[in-house]
N, C-alpha and C. Protein backbone atom coordinates (compact mmCIF):
# COMPACT_ATOMS: atom_id res chain seq x y z
N UNK A 1 -3.88 6.97 13.03
CA UNK A 1 -2.74 6.56 12.22
C UNK A 1 -1.73 5.87 13.13
N UNK A 2 -1.11 4.84 12.62
CA UNK A 2 -0.09 4.12 13.37
C UNK A 2 1.17 4.97 13.50
N UNK A 3 1.94 4.69 14.51
CA UNK A 3 3.20 5.40 14.71
C UNK A 3 4.36 4.49 14.31
N UNK A 4 5.48 5.13 14.03
CA UNK A 4 6.69 4.37 13.70
C UNK A 4 7.19 3.62 14.92
N UNK A 5 7.91 2.56 14.67
CA UNK A 5 8.58 1.86 15.76
C UNK A 5 9.70 2.76 16.30
N UNK A 6 10.18 2.44 17.50
CA UNK A 6 11.28 3.21 18.08
C UNK A 6 12.51 3.17 17.18
N UNK A 7 12.80 2.01 16.60
CA UNK A 7 13.96 1.87 15.72
C UNK A 7 13.84 2.78 14.50
N UNK A 8 12.67 2.78 13.86
CA UNK A 8 12.47 3.65 12.70
C UNK A 8 12.56 5.12 13.10
N UNK A 9 12.00 5.45 14.24
CA UNK A 9 12.02 6.83 14.72
C UNK A 9 13.45 7.31 14.92
N UNK A 10 14.29 6.48 15.51
CA UNK A 10 15.70 6.84 15.71
C UNK A 10 16.39 6.98 14.36
N UNK A 11 16.17 6.03 13.45
CA UNK A 11 16.82 6.07 12.14
C UNK A 11 16.46 7.35 11.38
N UNK A 12 15.21 7.78 11.47
CA UNK A 12 14.76 8.97 10.74
C UNK A 12 15.37 10.27 11.27
N UNK A 13 16.11 10.18 12.36
CA UNK A 13 16.76 11.38 12.90
C UNK A 13 18.26 11.37 12.66
N UNK A 14 18.76 10.41 11.89
CA UNK A 14 20.21 10.28 11.70
C UNK A 14 20.71 11.02 10.47
N UNK A 15 22.01 11.29 10.48
CA UNK A 15 22.65 11.89 9.32
C UNK A 15 22.59 10.95 8.12
N UNK A 16 22.64 9.65 8.38
CA UNK A 16 22.54 8.66 7.30
C UNK A 16 21.20 8.81 6.57
N UNK A 17 20.11 8.93 7.31
CA UNK A 17 18.78 9.12 6.70
C UNK A 17 18.75 10.40 5.88
N UNK A 18 19.28 11.48 6.44
CA UNK A 18 19.27 12.77 5.74
C UNK A 18 20.06 12.67 4.43
N UNK A 19 21.22 12.04 4.48
CA UNK A 19 22.03 11.88 3.27
C UNK A 19 21.33 11.00 2.25
N UNK A 20 20.71 9.91 2.70
CA UNK A 20 19.98 9.01 1.79
C UNK A 20 18.82 9.76 1.14
N UNK A 21 18.10 10.53 1.94
CA UNK A 21 16.97 11.30 1.41
C UNK A 21 17.44 12.30 0.36
N UNK A 22 18.52 13.00 0.66
CA UNK A 22 19.00 14.05 -0.23
C UNK A 22 19.62 13.49 -1.52
N UNK A 23 20.43 12.46 -1.39
CA UNK A 23 21.19 11.98 -2.55
C UNK A 23 20.51 10.89 -3.35
N UNK A 24 19.84 9.97 -2.69
CA UNK A 24 19.27 8.82 -3.40
C UNK A 24 17.80 8.97 -3.74
N UNK A 25 17.03 9.58 -2.84
CA UNK A 25 15.59 9.61 -3.03
C UNK A 25 15.09 10.89 -3.69
N UNK A 26 15.43 12.02 -3.12
CA UNK A 26 14.86 13.28 -3.60
C UNK A 26 15.02 13.51 -5.10
N UNK A 27 16.20 13.24 -5.67
CA UNK A 27 16.32 13.45 -7.12
C UNK A 27 15.35 12.59 -7.95
N UNK A 28 14.91 11.47 -7.40
CA UNK A 28 14.01 10.57 -8.13
C UNK A 28 12.53 10.89 -7.90
N UNK A 29 12.20 11.57 -6.81
CA UNK A 29 10.78 11.75 -6.48
C UNK A 29 10.30 13.20 -6.47
N UNK A 30 11.20 14.15 -6.43
CA UNK A 30 10.77 15.55 -6.34
C UNK A 30 10.07 15.96 -7.63
N UNK A 31 8.79 16.30 -7.55
CA UNK A 31 8.05 16.65 -8.76
C UNK A 31 8.54 17.95 -9.37
N UNK A 32 8.59 17.99 -10.68
CA UNK A 32 8.93 19.23 -11.38
C UNK A 32 7.78 20.22 -11.21
N UNK A 33 8.12 21.48 -11.08
CA UNK A 33 7.10 22.52 -11.00
C UNK A 33 6.42 22.63 -9.65
N UNK A 34 6.98 22.02 -8.62
CA UNK A 34 6.39 22.12 -7.29
C UNK A 34 6.48 23.58 -6.84
N UNK A 35 5.35 24.15 -6.46
CA UNK A 35 5.34 25.56 -6.06
C UNK A 35 4.06 25.86 -5.28
N UNK A 36 3.95 27.11 -4.85
CA UNK A 36 2.75 27.53 -4.14
C UNK A 36 2.69 27.02 -2.73
N UNK A 37 1.51 26.52 -2.35
CA UNK A 37 1.28 26.02 -1.00
C UNK A 37 1.32 24.50 -1.01
N UNK A 38 2.21 23.93 -0.20
CA UNK A 38 2.46 22.49 -0.20
C UNK A 38 2.18 21.93 1.20
N UNK A 39 1.46 20.81 1.24
CA UNK A 39 1.19 20.09 2.48
C UNK A 39 1.96 18.78 2.45
N UNK A 40 2.72 18.50 3.50
CA UNK A 40 3.35 17.19 3.64
C UNK A 40 2.64 16.43 4.74
N UNK A 41 2.18 15.23 4.42
CA UNK A 41 1.53 14.39 5.43
C UNK A 41 2.54 13.37 5.94
N UNK A 42 2.65 13.28 7.26
CA UNK A 42 3.60 12.33 7.85
C UNK A 42 5.04 12.76 7.67
N UNK A 43 5.39 13.95 8.15
CA UNK A 43 6.73 14.51 7.88
C UNK A 43 7.85 13.87 8.69
N UNK A 44 7.52 13.10 9.72
CA UNK A 44 8.58 12.50 10.52
C UNK A 44 9.51 13.56 11.08
N UNK A 45 10.80 13.35 10.93
CA UNK A 45 11.81 14.26 11.49
C UNK A 45 11.93 15.58 10.75
N UNK A 46 11.30 15.69 9.59
CA UNK A 46 11.39 16.91 8.79
C UNK A 46 12.56 16.92 7.83
N UNK A 47 13.32 15.83 7.76
CA UNK A 47 14.51 15.78 6.90
C UNK A 47 14.15 16.00 5.43
N UNK A 48 13.12 15.31 4.95
CA UNK A 48 12.72 15.49 3.54
C UNK A 48 12.17 16.90 3.32
N UNK A 49 11.39 17.41 4.27
CA UNK A 49 10.85 18.76 4.14
C UNK A 49 11.98 19.78 3.99
N UNK A 50 13.01 19.65 4.80
CA UNK A 50 14.14 20.58 4.72
C UNK A 50 14.82 20.49 3.36
N UNK A 51 15.00 19.27 2.86
CA UNK A 51 15.64 19.11 1.55
C UNK A 51 14.76 19.68 0.44
N UNK A 52 13.46 19.48 0.53
CA UNK A 52 12.54 20.04 -0.47
C UNK A 52 12.61 21.56 -0.43
N UNK A 53 12.55 22.15 0.75
CA UNK A 53 12.59 23.61 0.86
C UNK A 53 13.91 24.18 0.37
N UNK A 54 15.01 23.49 0.59
CA UNK A 54 16.30 23.94 0.06
C UNK A 54 16.33 23.87 -1.47
N UNK A 55 15.68 22.85 -2.01
CA UNK A 55 15.74 22.59 -3.45
C UNK A 55 14.73 23.39 -4.27
N UNK A 56 13.64 23.82 -3.64
CA UNK A 56 12.55 24.45 -4.39
C UNK A 56 12.19 25.81 -3.78
N UNK A 57 12.83 26.87 -4.26
CA UNK A 57 12.55 28.20 -3.71
C UNK A 57 11.16 28.73 -4.07
N UNK A 58 10.48 28.11 -5.04
CA UNK A 58 9.16 28.58 -5.45
C UNK A 58 8.04 28.16 -4.50
N UNK A 59 8.36 27.40 -3.49
CA UNK A 59 7.34 27.04 -2.50
C UNK A 59 7.13 28.24 -1.59
N UNK A 60 5.90 28.76 -1.61
CA UNK A 60 5.57 29.93 -0.79
C UNK A 60 5.27 29.55 0.65
N UNK A 61 4.59 28.42 0.81
CA UNK A 61 4.18 27.96 2.14
C UNK A 61 4.25 26.44 2.16
N UNK A 62 4.92 25.90 3.17
CA UNK A 62 5.07 24.45 3.32
C UNK A 62 4.54 24.09 4.70
N UNK A 63 3.50 23.28 4.73
CA UNK A 63 2.90 22.83 5.99
C UNK A 63 3.26 21.36 6.17
N UNK A 64 4.12 21.08 7.14
CA UNK A 64 4.54 19.71 7.43
C UNK A 64 3.73 19.21 8.61
N UNK A 65 3.17 18.00 8.48
CA UNK A 65 2.33 17.45 9.55
C UNK A 65 2.81 16.06 9.95
N UNK A 66 2.57 15.74 11.21
CA UNK A 66 2.82 14.39 11.70
C UNK A 66 1.94 14.17 12.92
N UNK A 67 1.58 12.93 13.17
CA UNK A 67 0.73 12.58 14.30
C UNK A 67 1.53 12.39 15.59
N UNK A 68 2.82 12.17 15.47
CA UNK A 68 3.68 11.86 16.62
C UNK A 68 4.27 13.15 17.20
N UNK A 69 3.94 13.51 18.45
CA UNK A 69 4.46 14.76 19.03
C UNK A 69 5.99 14.85 19.05
N UNK A 70 6.67 13.72 19.25
CA UNK A 70 8.14 13.74 19.26
C UNK A 70 8.68 14.09 17.88
N UNK A 71 8.06 13.55 16.84
CA UNK A 71 8.49 13.87 15.47
C UNK A 71 8.16 15.32 15.12
N UNK A 72 7.02 15.81 15.58
CA UNK A 72 6.66 17.21 15.35
C UNK A 72 7.71 18.13 15.97
N UNK A 73 8.11 17.85 17.19
CA UNK A 73 9.13 18.66 17.86
C UNK A 73 10.44 18.62 17.08
N UNK A 74 10.84 17.43 16.64
CA UNK A 74 12.08 17.29 15.86
C UNK A 74 11.97 18.06 14.54
N UNK A 75 10.84 17.93 13.85
CA UNK A 75 10.65 18.61 12.57
C UNK A 75 10.66 20.13 12.74
N UNK A 76 10.11 20.61 13.84
CA UNK A 76 10.15 22.07 14.08
C UNK A 76 11.59 22.55 14.20
N UNK A 77 12.42 21.79 14.88
CA UNK A 77 13.84 22.17 14.98
C UNK A 77 14.50 22.09 13.60
N UNK A 78 14.23 21.02 12.88
CA UNK A 78 14.83 20.81 11.56
C UNK A 78 14.46 21.93 10.58
N UNK A 79 13.24 22.43 10.69
CA UNK A 79 12.75 23.43 9.73
C UNK A 79 12.86 24.86 10.26
N UNK A 80 13.54 25.05 11.37
CA UNK A 80 13.67 26.37 11.96
C UNK A 80 14.20 27.42 10.99
N UNK A 81 15.16 27.06 10.18
CA UNK A 81 15.73 28.03 9.23
C UNK A 81 14.74 28.45 8.15
N UNK A 82 13.65 27.71 8.00
CA UNK A 82 12.64 28.02 6.98
C UNK A 82 11.37 28.59 7.59
N UNK A 83 11.45 29.13 8.81
CA UNK A 83 10.27 29.58 9.54
C UNK A 83 9.42 30.59 8.76
N UNK A 84 10.02 31.35 7.87
CA UNK A 84 9.26 32.34 7.10
C UNK A 84 8.28 31.70 6.13
N UNK A 85 8.54 30.45 5.73
CA UNK A 85 7.64 29.82 4.77
C UNK A 85 7.25 28.39 5.12
N UNK A 86 7.61 27.94 6.32
CA UNK A 86 7.27 26.58 6.73
C UNK A 86 6.71 26.55 8.15
N UNK A 87 5.76 25.65 8.36
CA UNK A 87 5.25 25.41 9.71
C UNK A 87 5.04 23.92 9.89
N UNK A 88 5.08 23.48 11.13
CA UNK A 88 4.91 22.06 11.45
C UNK A 88 3.75 21.93 12.43
N UNK A 89 2.81 21.05 12.09
CA UNK A 89 1.61 20.87 12.91
C UNK A 89 1.44 19.41 13.30
N UNK A 90 0.91 19.19 14.50
CA UNK A 90 0.56 17.84 14.94
C UNK A 90 -0.83 17.52 14.41
N UNK A 91 -0.87 16.69 13.38
CA UNK A 91 -2.12 16.40 12.66
C UNK A 91 -2.12 14.94 12.24
N UNK A 92 -3.27 14.30 12.35
CA UNK A 92 -3.46 12.95 11.84
C UNK A 92 -3.83 13.04 10.36
N UNK A 93 -3.07 12.40 9.51
CA UNK A 93 -3.31 12.47 8.06
C UNK A 93 -4.65 11.87 7.66
N UNK A 94 -5.25 11.09 8.54
CA UNK A 94 -6.55 10.49 8.23
C UNK A 94 -7.71 11.42 8.58
N UNK A 95 -7.41 12.61 9.04
CA UNK A 95 -8.44 13.60 9.37
C UNK A 95 -7.87 15.00 9.27
N UNK A 96 -7.49 15.40 8.08
CA UNK A 96 -6.83 16.69 7.89
C UNK A 96 -7.77 17.85 8.23
N UNK A 97 -7.32 18.80 9.05
CA UNK A 97 -8.17 19.91 9.49
C UNK A 97 -8.15 21.12 8.55
N UNK A 98 -7.94 20.88 7.28
CA UNK A 98 -7.83 21.96 6.30
C UNK A 98 -9.06 21.99 5.41
N UNK A 99 -9.37 23.17 4.91
CA UNK A 99 -10.52 23.33 4.02
C UNK A 99 -10.29 22.61 2.70
N UNK A 100 -11.37 22.27 2.04
CA UNK A 100 -11.29 21.68 0.70
C UNK A 100 -10.50 22.62 -0.21
N UNK A 101 -9.76 22.06 -1.14
CA UNK A 101 -9.04 22.82 -2.17
C UNK A 101 -8.16 23.92 -1.58
N UNK A 102 -7.36 23.58 -0.56
CA UNK A 102 -6.54 24.60 0.09
C UNK A 102 -5.04 24.50 -0.20
N UNK A 103 -4.61 23.48 -0.95
CA UNK A 103 -3.18 23.32 -1.25
C UNK A 103 -2.95 23.05 -2.73
N UNK A 104 -1.81 23.55 -3.23
CA UNK A 104 -1.41 23.30 -4.62
C UNK A 104 -0.80 21.91 -4.78
N UNK A 105 -0.26 21.38 -3.70
CA UNK A 105 0.35 20.04 -3.75
C UNK A 105 0.27 19.40 -2.37
N UNK A 106 0.16 18.08 -2.38
CA UNK A 106 0.27 17.28 -1.16
C UNK A 106 1.34 16.24 -1.43
N UNK A 107 2.31 16.15 -0.53
CA UNK A 107 3.39 15.18 -0.70
C UNK A 107 3.42 14.22 0.49
N UNK A 108 3.88 13.01 0.21
CA UNK A 108 3.93 11.94 1.21
C UNK A 108 5.22 11.16 0.98
N UNK A 109 6.16 11.32 1.90
CA UNK A 109 7.46 10.68 1.74
C UNK A 109 7.56 9.48 2.69
N UNK A 110 7.37 8.30 2.17
CA UNK A 110 7.59 7.06 2.91
C UNK A 110 6.72 6.96 4.17
N UNK A 111 5.44 7.32 4.04
CA UNK A 111 4.58 7.24 5.21
C UNK A 111 3.28 6.48 5.01
N UNK A 112 2.84 6.27 3.80
CA UNK A 112 1.54 5.62 3.59
C UNK A 112 1.46 4.26 4.27
N UNK A 113 2.54 3.50 4.24
CA UNK A 113 2.49 2.17 4.86
C UNK A 113 2.33 2.23 6.38
N UNK A 114 2.52 3.40 6.96
CA UNK A 114 2.30 3.56 8.40
C UNK A 114 0.84 3.87 8.73
N UNK A 115 0.01 4.03 7.72
CA UNK A 115 -1.39 4.34 7.94
C UNK A 115 -2.23 3.10 7.64
N UNK A 116 -2.88 2.60 8.64
CA UNK A 116 -3.72 1.43 8.46
C UNK A 116 -4.86 1.75 7.50
N UNK A 117 -5.31 2.99 7.52
CA UNK A 117 -6.40 3.43 6.64
C UNK A 117 -5.84 4.33 5.53
N UNK A 118 -4.87 3.82 4.78
CA UNK A 118 -4.22 4.65 3.76
C UNK A 118 -5.21 5.13 2.70
N UNK A 119 -6.27 4.39 2.45
CA UNK A 119 -7.28 4.84 1.48
C UNK A 119 -7.94 6.14 1.97
N UNK A 120 -8.24 6.20 3.26
CA UNK A 120 -8.83 7.40 3.85
C UNK A 120 -7.84 8.57 3.79
N UNK A 121 -6.58 8.28 4.05
CA UNK A 121 -5.54 9.31 3.99
C UNK A 121 -5.46 9.89 2.58
N UNK A 122 -5.47 9.04 1.57
CA UNK A 122 -5.42 9.52 0.18
C UNK A 122 -6.66 10.32 -0.18
N UNK A 123 -7.83 9.87 0.28
CA UNK A 123 -9.07 10.60 0.00
C UNK A 123 -9.01 12.00 0.61
N UNK A 124 -8.50 12.10 1.83
CA UNK A 124 -8.40 13.41 2.47
C UNK A 124 -7.35 14.28 1.78
N UNK A 125 -6.26 13.67 1.36
CA UNK A 125 -5.23 14.42 0.62
C UNK A 125 -5.82 14.97 -0.68
N UNK A 126 -6.58 14.15 -1.39
CA UNK A 126 -7.22 14.61 -2.63
C UNK A 126 -8.21 15.73 -2.35
N UNK A 127 -8.92 15.64 -1.24
CA UNK A 127 -9.92 16.65 -0.87
C UNK A 127 -9.29 18.03 -0.70
N UNK A 128 -8.10 18.09 -0.09
CA UNK A 128 -7.50 19.40 0.18
C UNK A 128 -6.71 19.95 -1.01
N UNK A 129 -6.62 19.18 -2.08
CA UNK A 129 -5.93 19.66 -3.30
C UNK A 129 -6.81 20.62 -4.08
N UNK A 130 -6.20 21.67 -4.57
CA UNK A 130 -6.89 22.58 -5.48
C UNK A 130 -7.04 21.91 -6.84
N UNK A 131 -7.99 22.35 -7.66
CA UNK A 131 -8.09 21.80 -9.02
C UNK A 131 -6.74 21.94 -9.74
N UNK A 132 -6.31 20.87 -10.36
CA UNK A 132 -5.00 20.85 -11.01
C UNK A 132 -3.86 20.55 -10.06
N UNK A 133 -4.17 20.44 -8.77
CA UNK A 133 -3.15 20.20 -7.76
C UNK A 133 -2.51 18.83 -7.88
N UNK A 134 -1.31 18.71 -7.33
CA UNK A 134 -0.49 17.52 -7.46
C UNK A 134 -0.42 16.75 -6.14
N UNK A 135 -0.62 15.45 -6.21
CA UNK A 135 -0.38 14.53 -5.10
C UNK A 135 0.82 13.69 -5.51
N UNK A 136 1.87 13.69 -4.70
CA UNK A 136 3.09 12.97 -5.09
C UNK A 136 3.82 12.45 -3.87
N UNK A 137 4.64 11.43 -4.10
CA UNK A 137 5.45 10.91 -3.02
C UNK A 137 6.12 9.61 -3.39
N UNK A 138 6.53 8.88 -2.36
CA UNK A 138 7.12 7.56 -2.56
C UNK A 138 6.85 6.71 -1.33
N UNK A 139 6.92 5.41 -1.52
CA UNK A 139 6.70 4.48 -0.42
C UNK A 139 7.37 3.16 -0.72
N UNK A 140 7.31 2.27 0.24
CA UNK A 140 7.85 0.91 0.08
C UNK A 140 6.77 0.00 -0.49
N UNK A 141 7.17 -0.98 -1.26
CA UNK A 141 6.18 -1.89 -1.84
C UNK A 141 5.71 -2.92 -0.82
N UNK A 142 4.61 -3.56 -1.14
CA UNK A 142 4.13 -4.68 -0.34
C UNK A 142 4.95 -5.89 -0.77
N UNK A 143 6.11 -6.04 -0.15
CA UNK A 143 7.01 -7.14 -0.52
C UNK A 143 7.35 -7.94 0.73
N UNK A 144 7.88 -9.11 0.51
CA UNK A 144 8.28 -9.96 1.64
C UNK A 144 9.32 -9.25 2.51
N UNK A 145 10.30 -8.60 1.86
CA UNK A 145 11.35 -7.91 2.61
C UNK A 145 10.77 -6.79 3.48
N UNK A 146 9.87 -6.00 2.92
CA UNK A 146 9.27 -4.91 3.69
C UNK A 146 8.49 -5.44 4.88
N UNK A 147 7.74 -6.49 4.66
CA UNK A 147 6.95 -7.07 5.75
C UNK A 147 7.85 -7.63 6.85
N UNK A 148 8.94 -8.29 6.47
CA UNK A 148 9.87 -8.86 7.46
C UNK A 148 10.51 -7.75 8.29
N UNK A 149 11.01 -6.72 7.63
CA UNK A 149 11.65 -5.61 8.35
C UNK A 149 10.69 -4.99 9.34
N UNK A 150 9.47 -4.73 8.90
CA UNK A 150 8.51 -4.09 9.80
C UNK A 150 8.03 -5.03 10.90
N UNK A 151 8.02 -6.31 10.64
CA UNK A 151 7.68 -7.27 11.69
C UNK A 151 8.79 -7.29 12.75
N UNK A 152 10.03 -7.26 12.31
CA UNK A 152 11.16 -7.27 13.24
C UNK A 152 11.19 -6.03 14.12
N UNK A 153 10.79 -4.90 13.55
CA UNK A 153 10.79 -3.64 14.32
C UNK A 153 9.48 -3.44 15.08
N UNK A 154 8.57 -4.40 14.93
CA UNK A 154 7.27 -4.36 15.61
C UNK A 154 6.46 -3.13 15.24
N UNK A 155 6.57 -2.73 14.00
CA UNK A 155 5.80 -1.59 13.49
C UNK A 155 4.39 -2.04 13.15
N UNK A 156 3.46 -1.16 13.39
CA UNK A 156 2.10 -1.38 12.93
C UNK A 156 2.02 -0.78 11.54
N UNK A 157 1.95 -1.62 10.54
CA UNK A 157 1.95 -1.13 9.16
C UNK A 157 0.91 -1.88 8.34
N UNK A 158 0.59 -1.28 7.22
CA UNK A 158 -0.22 -1.94 6.21
C UNK A 158 0.43 -1.58 4.88
N UNK A 159 1.25 -2.47 4.39
CA UNK A 159 2.00 -2.20 3.17
C UNK A 159 1.03 -1.98 2.01
N UNK A 160 1.44 -1.10 1.10
CA UNK A 160 0.58 -0.69 -0.01
C UNK A 160 1.19 -1.19 -1.32
N UNK A 161 0.50 -2.09 -1.98
CA UNK A 161 0.96 -2.58 -3.28
C UNK A 161 0.82 -1.46 -4.31
N UNK A 162 1.78 -1.35 -5.20
CA UNK A 162 1.77 -0.29 -6.22
C UNK A 162 0.49 -0.32 -7.05
N UNK A 163 0.03 -1.49 -7.46
CA UNK A 163 -1.19 -1.59 -8.25
C UNK A 163 -2.41 -1.11 -7.47
N UNK A 164 -2.46 -1.44 -6.18
CA UNK A 164 -3.57 -0.99 -5.34
C UNK A 164 -3.55 0.52 -5.19
N UNK A 165 -2.36 1.09 -5.05
CA UNK A 165 -2.24 2.54 -4.93
C UNK A 165 -2.74 3.22 -6.20
N UNK A 166 -2.30 2.74 -7.36
CA UNK A 166 -2.73 3.33 -8.63
C UNK A 166 -4.24 3.25 -8.78
N UNK A 167 -4.82 2.10 -8.45
CA UNK A 167 -6.27 1.93 -8.56
C UNK A 167 -7.01 2.88 -7.62
N UNK A 168 -6.50 3.05 -6.42
CA UNK A 168 -7.14 3.95 -5.45
C UNK A 168 -7.08 5.40 -5.93
N UNK A 169 -5.95 5.82 -6.46
CA UNK A 169 -5.82 7.19 -6.97
C UNK A 169 -6.79 7.44 -8.11
N UNK A 170 -6.91 6.49 -9.01
CA UNK A 170 -7.88 6.62 -10.11
C UNK A 170 -9.32 6.63 -9.57
N UNK A 171 -9.58 5.78 -8.58
CA UNK A 171 -10.91 5.71 -7.98
C UNK A 171 -11.31 7.01 -7.29
N UNK A 172 -10.35 7.80 -6.88
CA UNK A 172 -10.62 9.10 -6.27
C UNK A 172 -10.87 10.18 -7.32
N UNK A 173 -10.82 9.79 -8.59
CA UNK A 173 -11.06 10.74 -9.66
C UNK A 173 -9.84 11.55 -10.04
N UNK A 174 -8.67 11.13 -9.58
CA UNK A 174 -7.44 11.85 -9.93
C UNK A 174 -7.00 11.43 -11.32
N UNK A 175 -6.27 12.30 -11.98
CA UNK A 175 -5.81 12.02 -13.35
C UNK A 175 -4.29 11.97 -13.40
N UNK A 176 -3.76 11.64 -14.55
CA UNK A 176 -2.31 11.56 -14.76
C UNK A 176 -1.64 10.69 -13.69
N UNK A 177 -2.30 9.60 -13.33
CA UNK A 177 -1.79 8.71 -12.27
C UNK A 177 -0.56 7.97 -12.78
N UNK A 178 0.50 8.05 -12.00
CA UNK A 178 1.74 7.35 -12.34
C UNK A 178 2.31 6.71 -11.07
N UNK A 179 2.61 5.43 -11.14
CA UNK A 179 3.29 4.72 -10.06
C UNK A 179 4.46 4.00 -10.71
N UNK A 180 5.69 4.28 -10.26
CA UNK A 180 6.87 3.77 -10.95
C UNK A 180 7.94 3.33 -9.95
N UNK A 181 8.70 2.30 -10.29
CA UNK A 181 9.81 1.90 -9.41
C UNK A 181 10.90 2.97 -9.41
N UNK A 182 11.51 3.18 -8.26
CA UNK A 182 12.56 4.19 -8.15
C UNK A 182 13.95 3.62 -8.31
N UNK A 183 14.08 2.31 -8.18
CA UNK A 183 15.40 1.70 -8.26
C UNK A 183 16.23 1.91 -7.00
N UNK A 184 15.57 2.24 -5.90
CA UNK A 184 16.24 2.45 -4.62
C UNK A 184 15.48 1.65 -3.56
N UNK A 185 16.11 0.63 -3.02
CA UNK A 185 15.53 -0.17 -1.92
C UNK A 185 14.13 -0.69 -2.23
N UNK A 186 13.84 -0.91 -3.50
CA UNK A 186 12.53 -1.44 -3.88
C UNK A 186 11.40 -0.44 -3.80
N UNK A 187 11.71 0.80 -3.48
CA UNK A 187 10.67 1.82 -3.32
C UNK A 187 10.04 2.20 -4.66
N UNK A 188 8.84 2.75 -4.60
CA UNK A 188 8.18 3.27 -5.80
C UNK A 188 7.74 4.71 -5.55
N UNK A 189 7.75 5.47 -6.64
CA UNK A 189 7.26 6.84 -6.59
C UNK A 189 5.86 6.88 -7.16
N UNK A 190 5.10 7.89 -6.79
CA UNK A 190 3.76 8.03 -7.34
C UNK A 190 3.40 9.51 -7.50
N UNK A 191 2.51 9.77 -8.43
CA UNK A 191 2.00 11.12 -8.62
C UNK A 191 0.65 11.05 -9.30
N UNK A 192 -0.16 12.07 -9.08
CA UNK A 192 -1.48 12.18 -9.69
C UNK A 192 -1.94 13.63 -9.57
N UNK A 193 -2.89 14.00 -10.40
CA UNK A 193 -3.42 15.38 -10.38
C UNK A 193 -4.91 15.36 -10.10
N UNK A 194 -5.37 16.39 -9.43
CA UNK A 194 -6.80 16.57 -9.15
C UNK A 194 -7.48 17.17 -10.36
């Protein structure tokens, strides 16, 4: 999996990012009824994980993963107050080390475009979902603006068009597929069930 640029990495550790995640994004993307055991792929600094855990007391276990050791260390600090029900692991989302059907939900907050093999990432996310489990998240569209920003920051990305994402989710045999604009920075939210 590709790593974030240094600029993105710094931004994801700021109070501005945390406030944007909490006030602008989370209310639009947090799935209703999120509970049980939740896996987050590509947790970055852990800011979204912390907001989710604060907002959803019904989550029994939250496993936050990232491929970048620096982000894993940051996320561990960020989620320290939730140690009783959260853990952070250094894991590549394209090769999840979890058993089939081991999570009630898999969430992905603004990370799919950082995975060159996002189709493989989604297939593995679907694999670890329990029957009826939820795959949900949000990402940036494949737009000129997104490509320019990531080119300027020298990020290795593969932007994901909303239509391609919906088709891939359906192709994985998932149901209730929904991909919708969020009205925030051109981002779109998505959800599907196993």
